């Protein structure tokens, strides 16, 4: 279950880098698949 936390951390980091929340939505949809 640690992998999901890692992906969420990367998603948050990506959002902060790009300044957008779109990347987080993409990661969320990727996890759902």
C-alpha atoms as a PDB file:
ATOM      1  CA  UNK A   1       0.000   0.000   0.000  1.00  0.00           C
ATOM      2  CA  UNK A   2       3.083   2.215   0.226  1.00  0.00           C
ATOM      3  CA  UNK A   3       3.181   2.496  -3.571  1.00  0.00           C
ATOM      4  CA  UNK A   4      -0.051   4.478  -3.640  1.00  0.00           C
ATOM      5  CA  UNK A   5       1.301   6.910  -1.039  1.00  0.00           C
ATOM      6  CA  UNK A   6       4.447   7.305  -3.127  1.00  0.00           C
ATOM      7  CA  UNK A   7       2.419   8.036  -6.272  1.00  0.00           C
ATOM      8  CA  UNK A   8       0.288  10.558  -4.374  1.00  0.00           C
ATOM      9  CA  UNK A   9       3.455  12.259  -3.126  1.00  0.00           C
ATOM     10  CA  UNK A  10       4.825  12.404  -6.682  1.00  0.00           C
ATOM     11  CA  UNK A  11       1.505  13.778  -7.935  1.00  0.00           C
ATOM     12  CA  UNK A  12       1.553  16.502  -5.290  1.00  0.00           C
ATOM     13  CA  UNK A  13       5.183  17.319  -6.117  1.00  0.00           C
ATOM     14  CA  UNK A  14       4.331  17.506  -9.818  1.00  0.00           C
ATOM     15  CA  UNK A  15       1.445  19.871  -9.084  1.00  0.00           C
ATOM     16  CA  UNK A  16       3.707  22.159  -7.080  1.00  0.00           C
ATOM     17  CA  UNK A  17       6.271  22.116  -9.895  1.00  0.00           C
ATOM     18  CA  UNK A  18       3.744  22.923 -12.628  1.00  0.00           C
ATOM     19  CA  UNK A  19       1.488  25.031 -10.439  1.00  0.00           C
ATOM     20  CA  UNK A  20      -1.521  23.121 -11.763  1.00  0.00           C
ATOM     21  CA  UNK A  21      -3.962  20.637 -10.270  1.00  0.00           C
ATOM     22  CA  UNK A  22      -4.552  18.939 -13.614  1.00  0.00           C
ATOM     23  CA  UNK A  23      -1.595  16.599 -13.100  1.00  0.00           C
ATOM     24  CA  UNK A  24      -3.089  15.390  -9.818  1.00  0.00           C
ATOM     25  CA  UNK A  25      -6.369  14.598 -11.580  1.00  0.00           C
ATOM     26  CA  UNK A  26      -4.467  12.640 -14.216  1.00  0.00           C
ATOM     27  CA  UNK A  27      -2.672  10.648 -11.519  1.00  0.00           C
ATOM     28  CA  UNK A  28      -6.008   9.977  -9.786  1.00  0.00           C
ATOM     29  CA  UNK A  29      -7.543   8.665 -13.008  1.00  0.00           C
ATOM     30  CA  UNK A  30      -4.407   6.582 -13.609  1.00  0.00           C
ATOM     31  CA  UNK A  31      -4.823   4.963 -10.176  1.00  0.00           C
ATOM     32  CA  UNK A  32      -8.491   4.213 -10.888  1.00  0.00           C
ATOM     33  CA  UNK A  33      -7.597   2.209 -14.023  1.00  0.00           C
END
